[in-house]
C-alpha cells in the first residue's frame, strides 16, 4: 500500500518551517508562547526550545518533528469538533509556571 502523505520531499531545503511557525496556532491554545519552552523528544531524548523543531504544514494538520532525529513530537489537527494535539512517542512540552 502506498503512503499518501510524505513529510520530506527530495531537496536538502525540505518543505518545513522552524518551530516559530507554531506561535500563532498554539497561542490560541496556551496562555504563554510555547515556542521558547523546552520540548523533549520521545525518540532521542534531546530537550530544547520548541522553536528549533521542524514543522510540516503541507500535511493533514501540522506535523512537528525533532530537529535531531526526525521523530514526531507533536501533531496538531483542527476538526469540526475541536483542535487535537497529539504528543507522539512520549514527547512532552514544558510550559513555565506563572509566578506568584
PDB file of N, CA and C in Angstrom:
ATOM      1  N   UNK A   1       0.841  -1.181   0.000  1.00  0.00           N
ATOM      2  CA  UNK A   1       0.000   0.000   0.000  1.00  0.00           C
ATOM      3  C   UNK A   1       0.887   1.246   0.000  1.00  0.00           C
ATOM      4  N   UNK A   2       0.584   2.191  -0.851  1.00  0.00           N
ATOM      5  CA  UNK A   2       1.384   3.404  -0.973  1.00  0.00           C
ATOM      6  C   UNK A   2       1.092   4.370   0.172  1.00  0.00           C
ATOM      7  N   UNK A   3       2.123   5.087   0.574  1.00  0.00           N
ATOM      8  CA  UNK A   3       1.960   6.135   1.585  1.00  0.00           C
ATOM      9  C   UNK A   3       1.474   7.391   0.864  1.00  0.00           C
ATOM     10  N   UNK A   4       0.279   7.879   1.227  1.00  0.00           N
ATOM     11  CA  UNK A   4      -0.303   9.018   0.544  1.00  0.00           C
ATOM     12  C   UNK A   4       0.256  10.352   1.006  1.00  0.00           C
ATOM     13  N   UNK A   5       0.897  10.389   2.173  1.00  0.00           N
ATOM     14  CA  UNK A   5       1.409  11.632   2.711  1.00  0.00           C
ATOM     15  C   UNK A   5       2.907  11.502   2.932  1.00  0.00           C
ATOM     16  N   UNK A   6       3.647  12.493   2.473  1.00  0.00           N
ATOM     17  CA  UNK A   6       5.082  12.497   2.724  1.00  0.00           C
ATOM     18  C   UNK A   6       5.433  13.788   3.446  1.00  0.00           C
ATOM     19  N   UNK A   7       6.463  13.729   4.260  1.00  0.00           N
ATOM     20  CA  UNK A   7       6.862  14.887   5.031  1.00  0.00           C
ATOM     21  C   UNK A   7       8.153  15.495   4.523  1.00  0.00           C
ATOM     22  N   UNK A   8       8.888  14.747   3.746  1.00  0.00           N
ATOM     23  CA  UNK A   8      10.144  15.229   3.198  1.00  0.00           C
ATOM     24  C   UNK A   8      10.045  15.069   1.691  1.00  0.00           C
ATOM     25  N   UNK A   9      10.451  16.073   0.963  1.00  0.00           N
ATOM     26  CA  UNK A   9      10.438  15.906  -0.478  1.00  0.00           C
ATOM     27  C   UNK A   9      11.750  16.350  -1.062  1.00  0.00           C
ATOM     28  N   UNK A  10      12.433  15.466  -1.564  1.00  0.00           N
ATOM     29  CA  UNK A  10      13.649  15.441  -2.306  1.00  0.00           C
ATOM     30  C   UNK A  10      14.706  16.515  -2.290  1.00  0.00           C
ATOM     31  N   UNK A  11      14.563  17.635  -1.657  1.00  0.00           N
ATOM     32  CA  UNK A  11      15.627  18.620  -1.672  1.00  0.00           C
ATOM     33  C   UNK A  11      16.248  18.744  -0.294  1.00  0.00           C
ATOM     34  N   UNK A  12      17.429  19.287  -0.249  1.00  0.00           N
ATOM     35  CA  UNK A  12      18.071  19.479   1.048  1.00  0.00           C
ATOM     36  C   UNK A  12      17.378  20.584   1.835  1.00  0.00           C
ATOM     37  N   UNK A  13      16.645  21.448   1.166  1.00  0.00           N
ATOM     38  CA  UNK A  13      15.915  22.523   1.843  1.00  0.00           C
ATOM     39  C   UNK A  13      14.652  21.989   2.501  1.00  0.00           C
ATOM     40  N   UNK A  14      14.104  20.899   2.014  1.00  0.00           N
ATOM     41  CA  UNK A  14      12.901  20.261   2.526  1.00  0.00           C
ATOM     42  C   UNK A  14      11.758  21.264   2.666  1.00  0.00           C
ATOM     43  N   UNK A  15      10.586  20.763   2.794  1.00  0.00           N
ATOM     44  CA  UNK A  15       9.423  21.631   2.878  1.00  0.00           C
ATOM     45  C   UNK A  15       8.956  21.764   4.318  1.00  0.00           C
ATOM     46  N   UNK A  16       9.795  22.327   5.152  1.00  0.00           N
ATOM     47  CA  UNK A  16       9.408  22.535   6.539  1.00  0.00           C
ATOM     48  C   UNK A  16       9.778  23.946   6.984  1.00  0.00           C
ATOM     49  N   UNK A  17       9.132  24.364   8.054  1.00  0.00           N
ATOM     50  CA  UNK A  17       9.431  25.639   8.695  1.00  0.00           C
ATOM     51  C   UNK A  17      10.086  25.317  10.022  1.00  0.00           C
ATOM     52  N   UNK A  18      10.523  26.332  10.776  1.00  0.00           N
ATOM     53  CA  UNK A  18      11.009  26.042  12.119  1.00  0.00           C
ATOM     54  C   UNK A  18       9.851  26.183  13.108  1.00  0.00           C
ATOM     55  N   UNK A  19      10.108  25.826  14.352  1.00  0.00           N
ATOM     56  CA  UNK A  19       9.061  25.790  15.364  1.00  0.00           C
ATOM     57  C   UNK A  19       8.401  27.120  15.653  1.00  0.00           C
ATOM     58  N   UNK A  20       9.010  28.225  15.248  1.00  0.00           N
ATOM     59  CA  UNK A  20       8.375  29.528  15.433  1.00  0.00           C
ATOM     60  C   UNK A  20       7.056  29.638  14.668  1.00  0.00           C
ATOM     61  N   UNK A  21       6.885  28.816  13.641  1.00  0.00           N
ATOM     62  CA  UNK A  21       5.648  28.809  12.866  1.00  0.00           C
ATOM     63  C   UNK A  21       4.457  28.363  13.709  1.00  0.00           C
ATOM     64  N   UNK A  22       4.715  27.733  14.849  1.00  0.00           N
ATOM     65  CA  UNK A  22       3.643  27.270  15.730  1.00  0.00           C
ATOM     66  C   UNK A  22       3.114  28.357  16.646  1.00  0.00           C
ATOM     67  N   UNK A  23       3.807  29.489  16.762  1.00  0.00           N
ATOM     68  CA  UNK A  23       3.465  30.541  17.712  1.00  0.00           C
ATOM     69  C   UNK A  23       2.016  30.975  17.654  1.00  0.00           C
ATOM     70  N   UNK A  24       1.529  31.332  16.486  1.00  0.00           N
ATOM     71  CA  UNK A  24       0.154  31.802  16.354  1.00  0.00           C
ATOM     72  C   UNK A  24      -0.869  30.731  16.679  1.00  0.00           C
ATOM     73  N   UNK A  25      -0.680  29.542  16.099  1.00  0.00           N
ATOM     74  CA  UNK A  25      -1.624  28.457  16.315  1.00  0.00           C
ATOM     75  C   UNK A  25      -1.683  28.054  17.781  1.00  0.00           C
ATOM     76  N   UNK A  26      -0.520  27.870  18.409  1.00  0.00           N
ATOM     77  CA  UNK A  26      -0.516  27.402  19.793  1.00  0.00           C
ATOM     78  C   UNK A  26      -0.883  28.509  20.779  1.00  0.00           C
ATOM     79  N   UNK A  27      -0.748  29.788  20.374  1.00  0.00           N
ATOM     80  CA  UNK A  27      -1.160  30.863  21.277  1.00  0.00           C
ATOM     81  C   UNK A  27      -2.671  30.871  21.457  1.00  0.00           C
ATOM     82  N   UNK A  28      -3.393  30.235  20.537  1.00  0.00           N
ATOM     83  CA  UNK A  28      -4.841  30.086  20.684  1.00  0.00           C
ATOM     84  C   UNK A  28      -5.181  29.030  21.736  1.00  0.00           C
ATOM     85  N   UNK A  29      -4.228  28.159  22.039  1.00  0.00           N
ATOM     86  CA  UNK A  29      -4.454  27.065  22.987  1.00  0.00           C
ATOM     87  C   UNK A  29      -3.837  27.387  24.343  1.00  0.00           C
ATOM     88  N   UNK A  30      -2.594  27.900  24.354  1.00  0.00           N
ATOM     89  CA  UNK A  30      -1.854  28.168  25.583  1.00  0.00           C
ATOM     90  C   UNK A  30      -1.827  29.666  25.868  1.00  0.00           C
ATOM     91  N   UNK A  31      -1.818  30.026  27.145  1.00  0.00           N
ATOM     92  CA  UNK A  31      -1.756  31.440  27.537  1.00  0.00           C
ATOM     93  C   UNK A  31      -0.381  32.037  27.212  1.00  0.00           C
ATOM     94  N   UNK A  32       0.691  31.273  27.361  1.00  0.00           N
ATOM     95  CA  UNK A  32       2.059  31.734  27.081  1.00  0.00           C
ATOM     96  C   UNK A  32       2.491  31.241  25.704  1.00  0.00           C
ATOM     97  N   UNK A  33       3.461  31.920  25.106  1.00  0.00           N
ATOM     98  CA  UNK A  33       4.030  31.475  23.827  1.00  0.00           C
ATOM     99  C   UNK A  33       4.897  30.243  24.084  1.00  0.00           C
ATOM    100  N   UNK A  34       4.490  29.073  23.594  1.00  0.00           N
ATOM    101  CA  UNK A  34       5.224  27.850  23.886  1.00  0.00           C
ATOM    102  C   UNK A  34       6.469  27.624  23.031  1.00  0.00           C
ATOM    103  N   UNK A  35       6.729  28.472  22.027  1.00  0.00           N
ATOM    104  CA  UNK A  35       7.864  28.208  21.145  1.00  0.00           C
ATOM    105  C   UNK A  35       9.202  28.336  21.855  1.00  0.00           C
ATOM    106  N   UNK A  36       9.265  29.049  22.966  1.00  0.00           N
ATOM    107  CA  UNK A  36      10.501  29.156  23.746  1.00  0.00           C
ATOM    108  C   UNK A  36      10.598  28.111  24.839  1.00  0.00           C
ATOM    109  N   UNK A  37       9.544  27.327  25.007  1.00  0.00           N
ATOM    110  CA  UNK A  37       9.512  26.296  26.064  1.00  0.00           C
ATOM    111  C   UNK A  37      10.288  25.062  25.642  1.00  0.00           C
ATOM    112  N   UNK A  38      10.823  24.359  26.633  1.00  0.00           N
ATOM    113  CA  UNK A  38      11.571  23.130  26.353  1.00  0.00           C
ATOM    114  C   UNK A  38      10.636  22.053  25.830  1.00  0.00           C
ATOM    115  N   UNK A  39      11.070  21.369  24.814  1.00  0.00           N
ATOM    116  CA  UNK A  39      10.336  20.252  24.232  1.00  0.00           C
ATOM    117  C   UNK A  39      11.287  19.055  24.231  1.00  0.00           C
ATOM    118  N   UNK A  40      10.899  17.978  24.924  1.00  0.00           N
ATOM    119  CA  UNK A  40      11.742  16.785  24.990  1.00  0.00           C
ATOM    120  C   UNK A  40      11.248  15.771  23.967  1.00  0.00           C
ATOM    121  N   UNK A  41      12.149  15.306  23.114  1.00  0.00           N
ATOM    122  CA  UNK A  41      11.824  14.304  22.100  1.00  0.00           C
ATOM    123  C   UNK A  41      11.725  12.929  22.756  1.00  0.00           C
ATOM    124  N   UNK A  42      10.649  12.233  22.480  1.00  0.00           N
ATOM    125  CA  UNK A  42      10.489  10.882  22.993  1.00  0.00           C
ATOM    126  C   UNK A  42      11.353   9.872  22.255  1.00  0.00           C
ATOM    127  N   UNK A  43      11.849  10.240  21.078  1.00  0.00           N
ATOM    128  CA  UNK A  43      12.688   9.339  20.307  1.00  0.00           C
ATOM    129  C   UNK A  43      14.144   9.340  20.745  1.00  0.00           C
ATOM    130  N   UNK A  44      14.759  10.532  20.806  1.00  0.00           N
ATOM    131  CA  UNK A  44      16.190  10.623  21.135  1.00  0.00           C
ATOM    132  C   UNK A  44      16.453  11.246  22.501  1.00  0.00           C
ATOM    133  N   UNK A  45      15.424  11.839  23.127  1.00  0.00           N
ATOM    134  CA  UNK A  45      15.581  12.399  24.464  1.00  0.00           C
ATOM    135  C   UNK A  45      16.143  13.807  24.515  1.00  0.00           C
ATOM    136  N   UNK A  46      16.508  14.394  23.382  1.00  0.00           N
ATOM    137  CA  UNK A  46      17.041  15.751  23.374  1.00  0.00           C
ATOM    138  C   UNK A  46      15.927  16.727  23.756  1.00  0.00           C
ATOM    139  N   UNK A  47      16.252  17.679  24.630  1.00  0.00           N
ATOM    140  CA  UNK A  47      15.302  18.717  25.027  1.00  0.00           C
ATOM    141  C   UNK A  47      15.853  20.076  24.632  1.00  0.00           C
ATOM    142  N   UNK A  48      15.083  20.835  23.895  1.00  0.00           N
ATOM    143  CA  UNK A  48      15.466  22.181  23.501  1.00  0.00           C
ATOM    144  C   UNK A  48      14.201  22.949  23.157  1.00  0.00           C
ATOM    145  N   UNK A  49      14.306  24.272  22.917  1.00  0.00           N
ATOM    146  CA  UNK A  49      13.101  25.051  22.637  1.00  0.00           C
ATOM    147  C   UNK A  49      12.311  24.490  21.455  1.00  0.00           C
ATOM    148  N   UNK A  50      11.005  24.534  21.585  1.00  0.00           N
ATOM    149  CA  UNK A  50      10.121  24.068  20.523  1.00  0.00           C
ATOM    150  C   UNK A  50      10.400  24.798  19.215  1.00  0.00           C
ATOM    151  N   UNK A  51      10.899  26.020  19.285  1.00  0.00           N
ATOM    152  CA  UNK A  51      11.206  26.809  18.089  1.00  0.00           C
ATOM    153  C   UNK A  51      12.231  26.132  17.184  1.00  0.00           C
ATOM    154  N   UNK A  52      13.032  25.213  17.692  1.00  0.00           N
ATOM    155  CA  UNK A  52      14.052  24.524  16.886  1.00  0.00           C
ATOM    156  C   UNK A  52      13.493  23.342  16.098  1.00  0.00           C
ATOM    157  N   UNK A  53      12.266  22.951  16.382  1.00  0.00           N
ATOM    158  CA  UNK A  53      11.671  21.782  15.726  1.00  0.00           C
ATOM    159  C   UNK A  53      11.431  22.030  14.239  1.00  0.00           C
ATOM    160  N   UNK A  54      11.239  20.956  13.491  1.00  0.00           N
ATOM    161  CA  UNK A  54      10.901  21.028  12.067  1.00  0.00           C
ATOM    162  C   UNK A  54       9.386  20.926  11.960  1.00  0.00           C
ATOM    163  N   UNK A  55       8.755  21.906  11.320  1.00  0.00           N
ATOM    164  CA  UNK A  55       7.292  21.973  11.256  1.00  0.00           C
ATOM    165  C   UNK A  55       6.834  21.786   9.816  1.00  0.00           C
ATOM    166  N   UNK A  56       6.001  20.790   9.592  1.00  0.00           N
ATOM    167  CA  UNK A  56       5.469  20.486   8.270  1.00  0.00           C
ATOM    168  C   UNK A  56       3.993  20.862   8.247  1.00  0.00           C
ATOM    169  N   UNK A  57       3.636  21.803   7.386  1.00  0.00           N
ATOM    170  CA  UNK A  57       2.258  22.276   7.328  1.00  0.00           C
ATOM    171  C   UNK A  57       1.521  21.778   6.089  1.00  0.00           C
ATOM    172  N   UNK A  58       2.204  21.091   5.180  1.00  0.00           N
ATOM    173  CA  UNK A  58       1.574  20.560   3.969  1.00  0.00           C
ATOM    174  C   UNK A  58       1.137  19.120   4.188  1.00  0.00           C
ATOM    175  N   UNK A  59       0.527  18.869   5.327  1.00  0.00           N
ATOM    176  CA  UNK A  59       0.082  17.540   5.727  1.00  0.00           C
ATOM    177  C   UNK A  59      -1.366  17.668   6.178  1.00  0.00           C
ATOM    178  N   UNK A  60      -2.001  16.557   6.457  1.00  0.00           N
ATOM    179  CA  UNK A  60      -3.292  16.672   7.143  1.00  0.00           C
ATOM    180  C   UNK A  60      -3.001  17.180   8.552  1.00  0.00           C
ATOM    181  N   UNK A  61      -3.281  18.426   8.831  1.00  0.00           N
ATOM    182  CA  UNK A  61      -2.907  19.027  10.106  1.00  0.00           C
ATOM    183  C   UNK A  61      -1.483  19.536  10.030  1.00  0.00           C
ATOM    184  N   UNK A  62      -0.864  19.740  11.197  1.00  0.00           N
ATOM    185  CA  UNK A  62       0.515  20.209  11.293  1.00  0.00           C
ATOM    186  C   UNK A  62       1.327  19.140  12.007  1.00  0.00           C
ATOM    187  N   UNK A  63       2.449  18.753  11.431  1.00  0.00           N
ATOM    188  CA  UNK A  63       3.313  17.722  12.000  1.00  0.00           C
ATOM    189  C   UNK A  63       4.623  18.374  12.424  1.00  0.00           C
ATOM    190  N   UNK A  64       5.018  18.156  13.678  1.00  0.00           N
ATOM    191  CA  UNK A  64       6.236  18.728  14.244  1.00  0.00           C
ATOM    192  C   UNK A  64       7.211  17.589  14.526  1.00  0.00           C
ATOM    193  N   UNK A  65       8.419  17.690  13.989  1.00  0.00           N
ATOM    194  CA  UNK A  65       9.430  16.640  14.141  1.00  0.00           C
ATOM    195  C   UNK A  65      10.667  17.175  14.851  1.00  0.00           C
ATOM    196  N   UNK A  66      11.342  16.299  15.555  1.00  0.00           N
ATOM    197  CA  UNK A  66      12.594  16.619  16.234  1.00  0.00           C
ATOM    198  C   UNK A  66      13.651  16.993  15.191  1.00  0.00           C
ATOM    199  N   UNK A  67      14.368  18.081  15.428  1.00  0.00           N
ATOM    200  CA  UNK A  67      15.419  18.518  14.503  1.00  0.00           C
ATOM    201  C   UNK A  67      16.633  17.596  14.539  1.00  0.00           C
ATOM    202  N   UNK A  68      16.738  16.740  15.564  1.00  0.00           N
ATOM    203  CA  UNK A  68      17.896  15.857  15.706  1.00  0.00           C
ATOM    204  C   UNK A  68      17.675  14.480  15.101  1.00  0.00           C
ATOM    205  N   UNK A  69      16.488  13.880  15.355  1.00  0.00           N
ATOM    206  CA  UNK A  69      16.271  12.501  14.908  1.00  0.00           C
ATOM    207  C   UNK A  69      15.045  12.335  14.014  1.00  0.00           C
ATOM    208  N   UNK A  70      14.300  13.400  13.773  1.00  0.00           N
ATOM    209  CA  UNK A  70      13.104  13.410  12.917  1.00  0.00           C
ATOM    210  C   UNK A  70      11.896  12.672  13.495  1.00  0.00           C
ATOM    211  N   UNK A  71      11.944  12.273  14.759  1.00  0.00           N
ATOM    212  CA  UNK A  71      10.771  11.641  15.378  1.00  0.00           C
ATOM    213  C   UNK A  71       9.653  12.667  15.498  1.00  0.00           C
ATOM    214  N   UNK A  72       8.411  12.217  15.392  1.00  0.00           N
ATOM    215  CA  UNK A  72       7.266  13.107  15.565  1.00  0.00           C
ATOM    216  C   UNK A  72       7.150  13.453  17.048  1.00  0.00           C
ATOM    217  N   UNK A  73       7.129  14.755  17.362  1.00  0.00           N
ATOM    218  CA  UNK A  73       6.969  15.183  18.755  1.00  0.00           C
ATOM    219  C   UNK A  73       5.600  15.804  19.004  1.00  0.00           C
ATOM    220  N   UNK A  74       4.932  16.246  17.952  1.00  0.00           N
ATOM    221  CA  UNK A  74       3.621  16.869  18.125  1.00  0.00           C
ATOM    222  C   UNK A  74       2.871  16.840  16.809  1.00  0.00           C
ATOM    223  N   UNK A  75       1.570  16.554  16.901  1.00  0.00           N
ATOM    224  CA  UNK A  75       0.678  16.688  15.758  1.00  0.00           C
ATOM    225  C   UNK A  75      -0.492  17.548  16.220  1.00  0.00           C
ATOM    226  N   UNK A  76      -0.854  18.544  15.416  1.00  0.00           N
ATOM    227  CA  UNK A  76      -1.988  19.405  15.732  1.00  0.00           C
ATOM    228  C   UNK A  76      -2.933  19.368  14.535  1.00  0.00           C
ATOM    229  N   UNK A  77      -4.173  19.008  14.806  1.00  0.00           N
ATOM    230  CA  UNK A  77      -5.179  18.904  13.757  1.00  0.00           C
ATOM    231  C   UNK A  77      -6.441  19.609  14.221  1.00  0.00           C
ATOM    232  N   UNK A  78      -7.018  20.410  13.357  1.00  0.00           N
ATOM    233  CA  UNK A  78      -8.277  21.078  13.661  1.00  0.00           C
ATOM    234  C   UNK A  78      -9.394  20.351  12.928  1.00  0.00           C
ATOM    235  N   UNK A  79     -10.410  19.957  13.676  1.00  0.00           N
ATOM    236  CA  UNK A  79     -11.572  19.271  13.124  1.00  0.00           C
ATOM    237  C   UNK A  79     -12.821  20.055  13.538  1.00  0.00           C
ATOM    238  N   UNK A  80     -13.967  19.712  12.996  1.00  0.00           N
ATOM    239  CA  UNK A  80     -15.192  20.400  13.423  1.00  0.00           C
ATOM    240  C   UNK A  80     -15.465  20.265  14.934  1.00  0.00           C
ATOM    241  N   UNK A  81     -14.940  19.221  15.558  1.00  0.00           N
ATOM    242  CA  UNK A  81     -15.190  19.033  16.991  1.00  0.00           C
ATOM    243  C   UNK A  81     -14.142  19.704  17.877  1.00  0.00           C
ATOM    244  N   UNK A  82     -13.083  20.257  17.303  1.00  0.00           N
ATOM    245  CA  UNK A  82     -12.079  20.943  18.113  1.00  0.00           C
ATOM    246  C   UNK A  82     -10.670  20.767  17.581  1.00  0.00           C
ATOM    247  N   UNK A  83      -9.678  21.290  18.333  1.00  0.00           N
ATOM    248  CA  UNK A  83      -8.267  21.184  17.965  1.00  0.00           C
ATOM    249  C   UNK A  83      -7.653  20.040  18.750  1.00  0.00           C
ATOM    250  N   UNK A  84      -7.075  19.087  18.041  1.00  0.00           N
ATOM    251  CA  UNK A  84      -6.490  17.893  18.649  1.00  0.00           C
ATOM    252  C   UNK A  84      -4.985  18.030  18.675  1.00  0.00           C
ATOM    253  N   UNK A  85      -4.385  17.743  19.827  1.00  0.00           N
ATOM    254  CA  UNK A  85      -2.929  17.759  19.971  1.00  0.00           C
ATOM    255  C   UNK A  85      -2.468  16.372  20.385  1.00  0.00           C
ATOM    256  N   UNK A  86      -1.548  15.820  19.632  1.00  0.00           N
ATOM    257  CA  UNK A  86      -1.002  14.501  19.920  1.00  0.00           C
ATOM    258  C   UNK A  86       0.491  14.645  20.151  1.00  0.00           C
ATOM    259  N   UNK A  87       0.957  14.314  21.360  1.00  0.00           N
ATOM    260  CA  UNK A  87       2.387  14.324  21.672  1.00  0.00           C
ATOM    261  C   UNK A  87       2.890  12.897  21.455  1.00  0.00           C
ATOM    262  N   UNK A  88       3.447  12.643  20.277  1.00  0.00           N
ATOM    263  CA  UNK A  88       3.854  11.302  19.900  1.00  0.00           C
ATOM    264  C   UNK A  88       5.081  10.792  20.629  1.00  0.00           C
ATOM    265  N   UNK A  89       5.186   9.495  20.727  1.00  0.00           N
ATOM    266  CA  UNK A  89       6.364   8.788  21.245  1.00  0.00           C
ATOM    267  C   UNK A  89       6.833   9.266  22.611  1.00  0.00           C
ATOM    268  N   UNK A  90       5.899   9.639  23.470  1.00  0.00           N
ATOM    269  CA  UNK A  90       6.286  10.054  24.825  1.00  0.00           C
ATOM    270  C   UNK A  90       6.845  11.453  24.913  1.00  0.00           C
ATOM    271  N   UNK A  91       6.683  12.271  23.879  1.00  0.00           N
ATOM    272  CA  UNK A  91       7.197  13.640  23.891  1.00  0.00           C
ATOM    273  C   UNK A  91       6.434  14.487  24.897  1.00  0.00           C
ATOM    274  N   UNK A  92       7.080  15.535  25.402  1.00  0.00           N
ATOM    275  CA  UNK A  92       6.418  16.429  26.335  1.00  0.00           C
ATOM    276  C   UNK A  92       6.853  17.866  26.085  1.00  0.00           C
ATOM    277  N   UNK A  93       5.948  18.818  26.364  1.00  0.00           N
ATOM    278  CA  UNK A  93       6.262  20.242  26.274  1.00  0.00           C
ATOM    279  C   UNK A  93       6.167  20.791  27.675  1.00  0.00           C
ATOM    280  N   UNK A  94       7.201  21.478  28.132  1.00  0.00           N
ATOM    281  CA  UNK A  94       7.236  22.062  29.479  1.00  0.00           C
ATOM    282  C   UNK A  94       6.908  23.540  29.405  1.00  0.00           C
ATOM    283  N   UNK A  95       5.733  23.933  29.900  1.00  0.00           N
ATOM    284  CA  UNK A  95       5.329  25.335  29.915  1.00  0.00           C
ATOM    285  C   UNK A  95       5.734  25.943  31.250  1.00  0.00           C
ATOM    286  N   UNK A  96       6.187  27.196  31.250  1.00  0.00           N
ATOM    287  CA  UNK A  96       6.617  27.814  32.508  1.00  0.00           C
ATOM    288  C   UNK A  96       5.432  27.999  33.460  1.00  0.00           C
ATOM    289  N   UNK A  97       5.702  27.863  34.759  1.00  0.00           N
ATOM    290  CA  UNK A  97       4.684  28.096  35.797  1.00  0.00           C
ATOM    291  C   UNK A  97       4.547  29.590  36.003  1.00  0.00           C
ATOM    292  N   UNK A  98       3.316  30.092  36.179  1.00  0.00           N
ATOM    293  CA  UNK A  98       3.164  31.518  36.471  1.00  0.00           C
ATOM    294  C   UNK A  98       3.757  31.873  37.816  1.00  0.00           C
ATOM    295  N   UNK A  99       4.375  33.038  37.890  1.00  0.00           N
ATOM    296  CA  UNK A  99       4.978  33.471  39.150  1.00  0.00           C
ATOM    297  C   UNK A  99       3.891  33.906  40.130  1.00  0.00           C
ATOM    298  N   UNK A 100       4.160  33.699  41.436  1.00  0.00           N
ATOM    299  CA  UNK A 100       3.230  34.208  42.411  1.00  0.00           C
ATOM    300  C   UNK A 100       2.756  33.154  43.272  1.00  0.00           C
TER     301      UNK A 100
END
